Amino acid sequence: MFARGTFLMLIGQASFILSAVVINFGLARLLGPVDFGTFGLVMSVLVAAERFVVTGIPELVQKLGGERPESMYSLVRKTFPPQLIYTLAVFAVFWFLVPLVTKSFGDPALQFFFRLASFDILFCGVFRYYLGIQNGLHRFGRHALLSVTYSVVKVATIFGLVFGGFSLMGAVIGNTLGTVGGLVVALWITRLLKVQREVSPIPYLQFVVPNVLYFMGLYLFFCVDLWFVKYYLSDATVGYYVSASTLAKAPYFLSLALSAALLPSVARAIEEKNTDRTKELVQESLRYLLMFLLVINVVVISTSSSLVVTFFGQVYEEASSVLSILIVGLSFVTFFAVMNTILMAYNRMRTVFVITFVLLVLDVLFNGVLVPRFGIEGAAMSTTLVAVMGAVASGCVVFSELRTLLPILSALRMVCAAAVVFFLSFLVPEGGFWNFIKWIGLMGGYFALLGLMGEINAVEMRRLKNVLSIG
């Protein structure tokens, strides 16, 4: 059940990733480094504001609904009105703070684009709430359907408006229209049984507030470095950094699917006091996470230049050095995020918030020192340093709860396979069509080595077959 749920969530998350990839790669070529950098900057600030409405209550619905699905109708009745009011309040605050935000970047021209983009907050808060309902009810197939719809509509509207001659403005408007499309389908397919089983008092202060602050802090790891690059460096350099971070974020977005399936599953195991099942879920999740993170890092670091040029064009080649550093940092952020998901299931939100807040302060300090000295590479180094600290800190807390994390032998096998494939990567030529052959070959070789070492066995293949089966 957990494996199939994770797979379905991966389908939805893959659609998010694919749409982001298509949008960023396409706009990078259509808009050029300066306008593409502006789009990336506007989206980074917008998504930071949206963290306030897409976390908190939607996460609470996932958690409480995952623990007691039969009480979802009552839970929605109690939580949807506050979510709607809160979303309107966040939109209003963002609207009036726009002049201050643009002044801090020293670019008054951004004010128009920030306010145009802000309408997405209204629709995003409601859409993500409905996604939380599907996940809490373990309706992972419907969650995937909504994710795919949202992604397809967003790609279609953004490029439809850009090709229609609206350029950067069209891209910003299309972003909002994509959310509207996802919300329409969410309202259409969501049906709740009117079971009047009441829920316990909603722990807004104990769960929602720390949850919002945590996810806000976590997201800032992805944009504080970009904001410092905008403040200290040129507009074209912002575009280069956006291109590198777009590729480097792939591991984190994949982890969101794992976290979405993990939170309700671990919460239920804890609620049932099933310690063995909890440990099994954690070990299984971290094992697969490490397995995929290692191969992604090997491919990206060994072919960073060809990756950037292939997907963004020759003009962005300067971003390749940043990508090699940033992929490591954001992989550690991915581990940090999954560890924190486990802690949230244990109601350790205060611990999660404290760790995140301390790391965020360090992130600002590191960027303030390293970006003026080392440029965009300094921003990537700052993110990586903070991410390593976060993964270690959260990992220690999880270990103190469970006395287990990841089977050591499995980790050693995966590291050895990754090291072999990394050195072999230098024997394969790059350029043109060879790039795709090399990427596929490196990934195939890595998983083949894991099979030879017994890390991927017949049991694993049967599990994959069951996950992929229909019905």
Protein backbone atom coordinates (compact mmCIF):
# COMPACT_ATOMS: atom_id res chain seq x y z
CA MET A 1 0.00 0.00 0.00
CA PHE A 2 2.76 2.43 0.98
CA ALA A 3 4.85 1.55 -2.09
CA ARG A 4 1.88 1.98 -4.42
CA GLY A 5 0.90 5.24 -2.75
CA THR A 6 4.44 6.53 -3.14
CA PHE A 7 4.43 5.51 -6.81
CA LEU A 8 1.18 7.35 -7.49
CA MET A 9 2.47 10.40 -5.66
CA LEU A 10 5.62 10.18 -7.79
CA ILE A 11 3.46 10.35 -10.91
CA GLY A 12 1.91 13.57 -9.68
CA GLN A 13 5.23 14.97 -8.53
CA ALA A 14 6.83 13.94 -11.82
CA SER A 15 4.22 16.05 -13.61
CA PHE A 16 5.16 19.03 -11.42
CA ILE A 17 8.82 18.47 -12.21
CA LEU A 18 8.26 17.93 -15.92
CA SER A 19 6.14 21.07 -16.21
CA ALA A 20 8.74 23.09 -14.29
CA VAL A 21 11.46 21.69 -16.54
CA VAL A 22 9.54 22.50 -19.73
CA ILE A 23 8.62 25.99 -18.48
CA ASN A 24 12.10 26.90 -17.33
CA PHE A 25 13.95 25.40 -20.28
CA GLY A 26 11.53 26.96 -22.74
CA LEU A 27 11.43 30.40 -21.14
CA ALA A 28 15.22 30.46 -20.77
CA ARG A 29 15.54 30.25 -24.55
CA LEU A 30 12.52 32.42 -25.41
CA LEU A 31 13.12 35.25 -22.93
CA GLY A 32 16.93 35.34 -22.67
CA PRO A 33 19.03 35.51 -19.44
CA VAL A 34 17.78 38.93 -18.23
CA ASP A 35 13.99 38.37 -18.53
CA PHE A 36 14.35 34.73 -17.54
CA GLY A 37 16.22 35.85 -14.42
CA THR A 38 13.40 38.29 -13.66
CA PHE A 39 10.79 35.53 -14.06
CA GLY A 40 12.76 33.25 -11.74
CA LEU A 41 13.15 36.02 -9.15
CA VAL A 42 9.44 36.91 -9.22
CA MET A 43 8.46 33.25 -8.89
CA SER A 44 10.88 32.75 -5.98
CA VAL A 45 9.27 35.60 -4.00
CA LEU A 46 5.73 34.53 -4.98
CA VAL A 47 6.29 30.92 -3.90
CA ALA A 48 7.81 32.17 -0.63
CA ALA A 49 4.54 34.03 0.05
CA GLU A 50 2.52 30.97 -0.98
CA ARG A 51 4.33 28.84 1.61
CA PHE A 52 2.06 30.55 4.15
CA VAL A 53 -1.11 29.20 2.48
CA VAL A 54 -0.05 25.82 1.04
CA THR A 55 1.39 24.54 4.33
CA GLY A 56 -0.10 24.68 7.82
CA ILE A 57 -3.80 23.82 7.49
CA PRO A 58 -3.38 21.66 4.32
CA GLU A 59 -0.63 19.72 6.11
CA LEU A 60 -2.87 19.36 9.16
CA VAL A 61 -5.67 17.96 6.98
CA GLN A 62 -3.20 15.42 5.58
CA LYS A 63 -2.00 14.36 9.01
CA LEU A 64 -5.33 14.20 10.90
CA GLY A 65 -7.13 12.78 7.88
CA GLY A 66 -4.41 10.15 7.49
CA GLU A 67 -4.84 9.12 11.13
CA ARG A 68 -8.68 8.99 10.98
CA PRO A 69 -10.04 9.14 7.41
CA GLU A 70 -13.60 8.62 8.67
CA SER A 71 -13.55 12.09 10.27
CA MET A 72 -12.51 13.97 7.11
CA TYR A 73 -15.94 15.55 6.49
CA SER A 74 -16.00 17.08 9.96
CA LEU A 75 -12.35 18.10 9.61
CA VAL A 76 -13.06 19.96 6.37
CA ARG A 77 -16.04 21.78 7.87
CA LYS A 78 -13.81 23.06 10.66
CA THR A 79 -10.68 23.92 8.70
CA PHE A 80 -11.79 25.18 5.27
CA PRO A 81 -13.28 28.55 6.42
CA PRO A 82 -10.10 29.48 8.35
CA GLN A 83 -7.99 28.45 5.34
CA LEU A 84 -10.03 30.67 3.01
CA ILE A 85 -9.90 33.71 5.31
CA TYR A 86 -6.20 33.20 5.94
CA THR A 87 -5.47 32.97 2.20
CA LEU A 88 -7.23 36.29 1.59
CA ALA A 89 -5.22 37.87 4.41
CA VAL A 90 -1.89 36.64 3.00
CA PHE A 91 -2.81 37.99 -0.44
CA ALA A 92 -3.63 41.42 1.04
CA VAL A 93 -0.41 41.58 3.07
CA PHE A 94 1.70 40.58 0.07
CA TRP A 95 -0.01 43.18 -2.14
CA PHE A 96 0.82 46.01 0.25
CA LEU A 97 4.38 44.81 0.91
CA VAL A 98 5.32 44.72 -2.77
CA PRO A 99 6.83 48.26 -2.80
CA LEU A 100 9.08 47.33 0.13
CA VAL A 101 10.17 44.11 -1.59
CA THR A 102 11.05 45.84 -4.85
CA LYS A 103 12.93 48.56 -2.99
CA SER A 104 15.06 45.95 -1.22
CA PHE A 105 16.12 44.58 -4.62
CA GLY A 106 16.78 48.09 -5.94
CA ASP A 107 14.57 47.51 -8.99
CA PRO A 108 11.23 49.45 -9.02
CA ALA A 109 10.26 47.84 -12.35
CA LEU A 110 9.63 44.58 -10.49
CA GLN A 111 6.57 46.02 -8.70
CA PHE A 112 4.24 45.45 -11.66
CA PHE A 113 5.27 41.80 -12.05
CA PHE A 114 5.04 41.04 -8.33
CA ARG A 115 1.48 42.37 -8.10
CA LEU A 116 0.45 40.62 -11.29
CA ALA A 117 1.83 37.35 -9.93
CA SER A 118 0.21 37.80 -6.51
CA PHE A 119 -3.28 36.72 -7.72
CA ASP A 120 -1.97 33.16 -7.84
CA ILE A 121 -1.93 33.19 -4.01
CA LEU A 122 -5.75 33.25 -3.90
CA PHE A 123 -6.20 30.16 -6.04
CA CYS A 124 -3.13 28.29 -4.81
CA GLY A 125 -4.26 28.32 -1.17
CA VAL A 126 -7.55 26.59 -2.04
CA PHE A 127 -6.06 24.21 -4.62
CA ARG A 128 -3.39 22.92 -2.22
CA TYR A 129 -6.02 22.48 0.49
CA TYR A 130 -7.94 20.13 -1.81
CA LEU A 131 -4.73 18.25 -2.61
CA GLY A 132 -4.31 17.76 1.13
CA ILE A 133 -7.80 16.23 1.34
CA GLN A 134 -6.97 13.64 -1.34
CA ASN A 135 -3.71 12.73 0.36
CA GLY A 136 -5.27 12.50 3.82
CA LEU A 137 -7.90 10.09 2.45
CA HIS A 138 -5.13 8.07 0.75
CA ARG A 139 -6.72 8.84 -2.62
CA PHE A 140 -3.31 9.00 -4.23
CA GLY A 141 -4.70 8.40 -7.71
CA ARG A 142 -6.89 11.52 -7.51
CA HIS A 143 -3.96 13.45 -6.08
CA ALA A 144 -1.93 12.43 -9.13
CA LEU A 145 -4.79 13.43 -11.47
CA LEU A 146 -4.98 16.91 -9.95
CA SER A 147 -1.22 17.33 -10.14
CA VAL A 148 -1.13 16.34 -13.79
CA THR A 149 -4.04 18.66 -14.66
CA TYR A 150 -2.40 21.57 -12.87
CA SER A 151 0.90 20.95 -14.67
CA VAL A 152 -0.56 20.54 -18.16
CA VAL A 153 -2.75 23.64 -17.93
CA LYS A 154 0.15 25.71 -16.58
CA VAL A 155 2.46 24.73 -19.44
CA ALA A 156 -0.26 25.36 -22.03
CA THR A 157 -1.25 28.80 -20.70
CA ILE A 158 2.28 30.07 -20.13
CA PHE A 159 3.54 29.17 -23.58
CA GLY A 160 0.27 30.10 -25.24
CA LEU A 161 0.57 33.64 -23.89
CA VAL A 162 4.33 33.92 -24.52
CA PHE A 163 3.97 32.78 -28.12
CA GLY A 164 0.98 35.11 -28.38
CA GLY A 165 3.36 38.03 -27.89
CA PHE A 166 2.89 38.74 -24.17
CA SER A 167 6.47 37.73 -23.29
CA LEU A 168 7.35 37.98 -19.57
CA MET A 169 3.90 39.31 -18.61
CA GLY A 170 2.25 36.35 -20.35
CA ALA A 171 4.46 33.91 -18.45
CA VAL A 172 3.39 35.43 -15.12
CA ILE A 173 -0.33 35.40 -16.03
CA GLY A 174 -0.09 31.84 -17.36
CA ASN A 175 1.29 30.71 -14.01
CA THR A 176 -1.93 31.81 -12.30
CA LEU A 177 -4.19 30.32 -14.97
CA GLY A 178 -2.55 26.93 -14.45
CA THR A 179 -3.55 26.98 -10.79
CA VAL A 180 -7.09 27.97 -11.72
CA GLY A 181 -7.31 24.92 -14.02
CA GLY A 182 -6.15 22.57 -11.27
CA LEU A 183 -8.63 24.08 -8.79
CA VAL A 184 -11.59 23.65 -11.15
CA VAL A 185 -10.87 19.93 -11.49
CA ALA A 186 -10.30 19.61 -7.71
CA LEU A 187 -13.74 21.06 -6.99
CA TRP A 188 -15.27 18.73 -9.54
CA ILE A 189 -13.81 15.41 -8.30
CA THR A 190 -13.83 15.95 -4.53
CA ARG A 191 -16.73 14.20 -2.87
CA LEU A 192 -16.81 13.53 0.88
CA LEU A 193 -19.06 11.13 2.74
CA LYS A 194 -21.15 13.12 5.21
CA VAL A 195 -20.04 11.15 8.24
CA GLN A 196 -20.58 13.25 11.34
CA ARG A 197 -17.74 11.79 13.38
CA GLU A 198 -16.26 14.76 15.21
CA VAL A 199 -12.56 15.45 15.41
CA SER A 200 -10.53 16.58 18.39
CA PRO A 201 -9.90 20.30 18.84
CA ILE A 202 -7.78 21.54 15.93
CA PRO A 203 -4.18 22.11 17.15
CA TYR A 204 -3.60 25.34 15.24
CA LEU A 205 -1.00 26.75 17.61
CA GLN A 206 0.71 23.43 18.30
CA PHE A 207 0.90 22.19 14.68
CA VAL A 208 -0.16 24.77 12.11
CA VAL A 209 1.95 27.74 13.18
CA PRO A 210 5.24 25.82 13.55
CA ASN A 211 4.41 23.94 10.33
CA VAL A 212 3.99 27.15 8.32
CA LEU A 213 7.14 28.66 9.78
CA TYR A 214 9.09 25.46 9.10
CA PHE A 215 8.07 25.15 5.45
CA MET A 216 8.67 28.86 4.95
CA GLY A 217 12.16 28.46 6.38
CA LEU A 218 12.80 25.34 4.30
CA TYR A 219 11.75 27.10 1.11
CA LEU A 220 14.03 30.03 1.88
CA PHE A 221 16.98 27.67 1.50
CA PHE A 222 16.09 27.63 -2.20
CA CYS A 223 15.90 31.38 -2.69
CA VAL A 224 18.02 33.27 -0.14
CA ASP A 225 21.06 32.54 -2.30
CA LEU A 226 19.23 33.80 -5.41
CA TRP A 227 18.19 37.01 -3.64
CA PHE A 228 21.79 37.70 -2.63
CA VAL A 229 22.88 37.09 -6.22
CA LYS A 230 20.28 39.64 -7.39
CA TYR A 231 21.45 42.17 -4.78
CA TYR A 232 25.20 41.91 -5.47
CA LEU A 233 25.50 40.78 -9.11
CA SER A 234 24.13 41.56 -12.57
CA ASP A 235 20.68 40.68 -13.96
CA ALA A 236 22.22 38.23 -16.47
CA THR A 237 24.00 36.46 -13.60
CA VAL A 238 20.61 36.01 -11.92
CA GLY A 239 19.47 34.17 -15.04
CA TYR A 240 22.53 31.90 -14.90
CA TYR A 241 21.85 31.07 -11.25
CA VAL A 242 18.17 30.38 -11.92
CA SER A 243 19.14 27.92 -14.67
CA ALA A 244 21.54 26.04 -12.37
CA SER A 245 19.07 25.92 -9.47
CA THR A 246 16.31 24.66 -11.79
CA LEU A 247 18.34 21.55 -12.57
CA ALA A 248 19.62 21.15 -9.01
CA LYS A 249 16.12 21.21 -7.49
CA ALA A 250 15.11 17.93 -9.17
CA PRO A 251 16.07 15.72 -6.18
CA TYR A 252 14.05 17.84 -3.77
CA PHE A 253 10.91 17.80 -5.89
CA LEU A 254 11.12 14.02 -6.10
CA SER A 255 11.35 13.87 -2.31
CA LEU A 256 8.06 15.76 -1.98
CA ALA A 257 6.22 12.73 -3.34
CA LEU A 258 7.96 10.51 -0.81
CA SER A 259 7.20 12.92 2.03
CA ALA A 260 3.54 13.26 1.01
CA ALA A 261 3.05 9.50 1.20
CA LEU A 262 5.30 9.11 4.26
CA LEU A 263 3.58 11.62 6.57
CA PRO A 264 0.12 9.98 6.80
CA SER A 265 1.63 6.47 6.77
CA VAL A 266 4.09 7.12 9.61
CA ALA A 267 1.46 9.12 11.53
CA ARG A 268 -0.91 6.15 11.38
CA ALA A 269 1.80 3.69 12.46
CA ILE A 270 2.64 5.92 15.42
CA GLU A 271 -1.05 6.32 16.29
CA GLU A 272 -1.36 2.54 16.32
CA LYS A 273 1.86 2.26 18.40
CA ASN A 274 3.34 -0.01 15.74
CA THR A 275 7.05 0.65 16.30
CA ASP A 276 8.26 -2.07 13.94
CA ARG A 277 6.16 -0.71 11.08
CA THR A 278 7.40 2.82 11.77
CA LYS A 279 11.03 1.69 11.60
CA GLU A 280 10.34 -0.28 8.42
CA LEU A 281 8.78 2.76 6.72
CA VAL A 282 11.67 5.02 7.69
CA GLN A 283 14.39 2.58 6.60
CA GLU A 284 12.63 1.81 3.33
CA SER A 285 12.12 5.49 2.54
CA LEU A 286 15.67 6.58 3.32
CA ARG A 287 17.13 3.65 1.41
CA TYR A 288 15.29 4.51 -1.79
CA LEU A 289 16.02 8.20 -1.30
CA LEU A 290 19.77 7.59 -1.03
CA MET A 291 19.67 5.21 -3.97
CA PHE A 292 18.26 7.84 -6.32
CA LEU A 293 20.12 10.83 -4.89
CA LEU A 294 23.48 9.17 -5.48
CA VAL A 295 22.87 8.41 -9.14
CA ILE A 296 21.45 11.89 -9.76
CA ASN A 297 24.55 13.47 -8.21
CA VAL A 298 26.88 11.27 -10.25
CA VAL A 299 25.16 12.15 -13.53
CA VAL A 300 24.89 15.87 -12.80
CA ILE A 301 28.41 16.44 -11.43
CA SER A 302 30.15 14.43 -14.15
CA THR A 303 28.19 16.06 -17.01
CA SER A 304 27.24 19.48 -15.60
CA SER A 305 28.48 21.49 -18.59
CA SER A 306 26.68 19.37 -21.19
CA LEU A 307 23.51 19.36 -19.07
CA VAL A 308 23.36 23.15 -18.90
CA VAL A 309 24.15 23.66 -22.59
CA THR A 310 21.73 20.95 -23.75
CA PHE A 311 18.75 22.24 -21.81
CA PHE A 312 19.36 25.98 -21.62
CA GLY A 313 21.67 26.79 -24.52
CA GLN A 314 25.30 27.81 -24.92
CA VAL A 315 24.72 31.26 -23.42
CA TYR A 316 24.09 29.66 -19.99
CA GLU A 317 27.29 27.56 -19.89
CA GLU A 318 28.65 29.75 -17.10
CA ALA A 319 26.12 28.11 -14.77
CA SER A 320 27.77 24.66 -14.98
CA SER A 321 30.24 25.30 -12.13
CA VAL A 322 27.36 26.42 -9.90
CA LEU A 323 25.32 23.32 -10.79
CA SER A 324 28.09 20.95 -9.64
CA ILE A 325 28.07 22.54 -6.19
CA LEU A 326 24.36 23.19 -5.86
CA ILE A 327 23.26 19.64 -6.69
CA VAL A 328 25.15 18.39 -3.63
CA GLY A 329 23.64 21.08 -1.40
CA LEU A 330 20.06 20.52 -2.50
CA SER A 331 20.48 16.75 -2.15
CA PHE A 332 21.30 17.32 1.52
CA VAL A 333 18.29 19.65 1.74
CA THR A 334 16.25 16.74 0.41
CA PHE A 335 17.46 14.47 3.21
CA PHE A 336 16.81 17.26 5.69
CA ALA A 337 13.23 17.65 4.45
CA VAL A 338 12.43 13.91 4.63
CA MET A 339 13.90 13.65 8.14
CA ASN A 340 11.72 16.55 9.19
CA THR A 341 8.65 14.83 7.74
CA ILE A 342 9.33 11.93 10.09
CA LEU A 343 9.70 14.34 13.02
CA MET A 344 6.40 16.00 12.12
CA ALA A 345 4.69 12.61 12.33
CA TYR A 346 6.06 12.44 15.89
CA ASN A 347 4.61 15.91 16.59
CA ARG A 348 8.11 17.34 16.93
CA MET A 349 7.25 20.53 15.05
CA ARG A 350 8.96 22.76 17.62
CA THR A 351 12.24 20.89 17.15
CA VAL A 352 11.91 21.10 13.38
CA PHE A 353 11.24 24.83 13.57
CA VAL A 354 14.19 25.57 15.85
CA ILE A 355 16.65 23.68 13.64
CA THR A 356 15.31 25.40 10.51
CA PHE A 357 15.43 28.87 12.07
CA VAL A 358 19.05 28.48 13.20
CA LEU A 359 20.07 27.20 9.77
CA LEU A 360 18.30 30.08 8.06
CA VAL A 361 20.25 32.62 10.10
CA LEU A 362 23.48 30.83 9.14
CA ASP A 363 22.38 30.78 5.49
CA VAL A 364 21.97 34.56 5.45
CA LEU A 365 25.35 35.05 7.13
CA PHE A 366 27.16 32.68 4.77
CA ASN A 367 25.61 34.29 1.68
CA GLY A 368 26.45 37.77 2.96
CA VAL A 369 30.10 36.77 3.25
CA LEU A 370 30.60 34.37 0.33
CA VAL A 371 28.56 35.94 -2.50
CA PRO A 372 30.52 39.25 -2.59
CA ARG A 373 33.76 37.26 -2.46
CA PHE A 374 33.08 34.29 -4.76
CA GLY A 375 30.08 35.39 -6.83
CA ILE A 376 27.48 32.80 -7.83
CA GLU A 377 29.75 29.96 -6.69
CA GLY A 378 29.72 31.54 -3.21
CA ALA A 379 25.91 31.40 -3.16
CA ALA A 380 25.98 27.70 -4.04
CA MET A 381 28.62 27.01 -1.37
CA SER A 382 26.49 28.77 1.26
CA THR A 383 23.47 26.61 0.48
CA THR A 384 25.57 23.44 0.57
CA LEU A 385 27.18 24.21 3.92
CA VAL A 386 23.85 24.93 5.58
CA ALA A 387 22.21 21.87 4.00
CA VAL A 388 24.86 19.50 5.36
CA MET A 389 24.37 20.94 8.87
CA GLY A 390 20.59 20.54 8.58
CA ALA A 391 20.72 16.93 7.39
CA VAL A 392 23.07 15.97 10.24
CA ALA A 393 21.01 17.76 12.90
CA SER A 394 17.63 16.34 11.85
CA GLY A 395 19.13 12.89 11.29
CA CYS A 396 20.44 12.83 14.87
CA VAL A 397 17.00 13.71 16.26
CA VAL A 398 15.27 11.02 14.18
CA PHE A 399 17.86 8.48 15.30
CA SER A 400 17.20 9.41 18.93
CA GLU A 401 13.50 8.57 18.38
CA LEU A 402 13.88 5.32 16.43
CA ARG A 403 17.44 4.12 17.08
CA THR A 404 17.66 3.40 13.36
CA LEU A 405 17.97 5.28 10.08
CA LEU A 406 19.46 3.41 7.16
CA PRO A 407 21.02 -0.09 6.87
CA ILE A 408 24.79 0.54 6.80
CA LEU A 409 25.51 -2.29 4.36
CA SER A 410 22.96 -0.92 1.88
CA ALA A 411 24.47 2.54 2.10
CA LEU A 412 27.99 1.19 1.49
CA ARG A 413 26.86 -0.77 -1.58
CA MET A 414 25.17 2.25 -3.07
CA VAL A 415 28.16 4.52 -2.43
CA CYS A 416 30.53 1.99 -4.02
CA ALA A 417 28.30 1.65 -7.10
CA ALA A 418 28.09 5.43 -7.43
CA ALA A 419 31.88 5.81 -7.13
CA VAL A 420 32.51 3.22 -9.87
CA VAL A 421 30.02 4.84 -12.23
CA PHE A 422 31.46 8.31 -11.53
CA PHE A 423 34.96 7.26 -12.61
CA LEU A 424 33.60 5.42 -15.65
CA SER A 425 31.79 8.61 -16.72
CA PHE A 426 35.08 10.15 -17.82
CA LEU A 427 35.59 7.39 -20.38
CA VAL A 428 32.40 8.21 -22.30
CA PRO A 429 32.49 11.12 -24.79
CA GLU A 430 30.05 14.04 -24.60
CA GLY A 431 28.37 16.32 -27.09
CA GLY A 432 25.17 16.26 -29.11
CA PHE A 433 23.35 12.95 -29.16
CA TRP A 434 26.11 11.36 -27.03
CA ASN A 435 24.90 13.35 -24.04
CA PHE A 436 21.64 11.40 -23.83
CA ILE A 437 23.45 8.08 -24.40
CA LYS A 438 25.86 8.92 -21.59
CA TRP A 439 23.13 9.92 -19.10
CA ILE A 440 21.12 6.76 -19.76
CA GLY A 441 24.26 4.62 -19.68
CA LEU A 442 25.44 6.02 -16.35
CA MET A 443 22.07 5.43 -14.70
CA GLY A 444 21.73 1.96 -16.21
CA GLY A 445 25.25 1.01 -15.12
CA TYR A 446 24.57 2.19 -11.57
CA PHE A 447 21.43 0.10 -11.14
CA ALA A 448 23.11 -2.88 -12.84
CA LEU A 449 25.92 -2.73 -10.27
CA LEU A 450 23.37 -2.59 -7.45
CA GLY A 451 21.78 -5.72 -8.91
CA LEU A 452 25.12 -7.52 -9.08
CA MET A 453 25.87 -6.61 -5.47
CA GLY A 454 22.48 -7.91 -4.34
CA GLU A 455 21.13 -4.51 -3.31
CA ILE A 456 18.35 -4.84 -5.88
CA ASN A 457 17.06 -8.43 -5.77
CA ALA A 458 14.13 -10.55 -6.88
CA VAL A 459 12.01 -9.40 -3.94
CA GLU A 460 12.61 -5.83 -4.97
CA MET A 461 11.62 -6.55 -8.57
CA ARG A 462 8.39 -8.26 -7.44
CA ARG A 463 7.57 -5.23 -5.33
CA LEU A 464 8.13 -2.98 -8.36
CA LYS A 465 5.88 -5.22 -10.46
CA ASN A 466 3.10 -4.99 -7.84
CA VAL A 467 3.43 -1.21 -7.69
CA LEU A 468 3.18 -0.90 -11.47
CA SER A 469 0.28 -3.32 -11.78
CA ILE A 470 -3.16 -2.00 -12.57
CA GLY A 471 -6.09 -2.79 -10.32
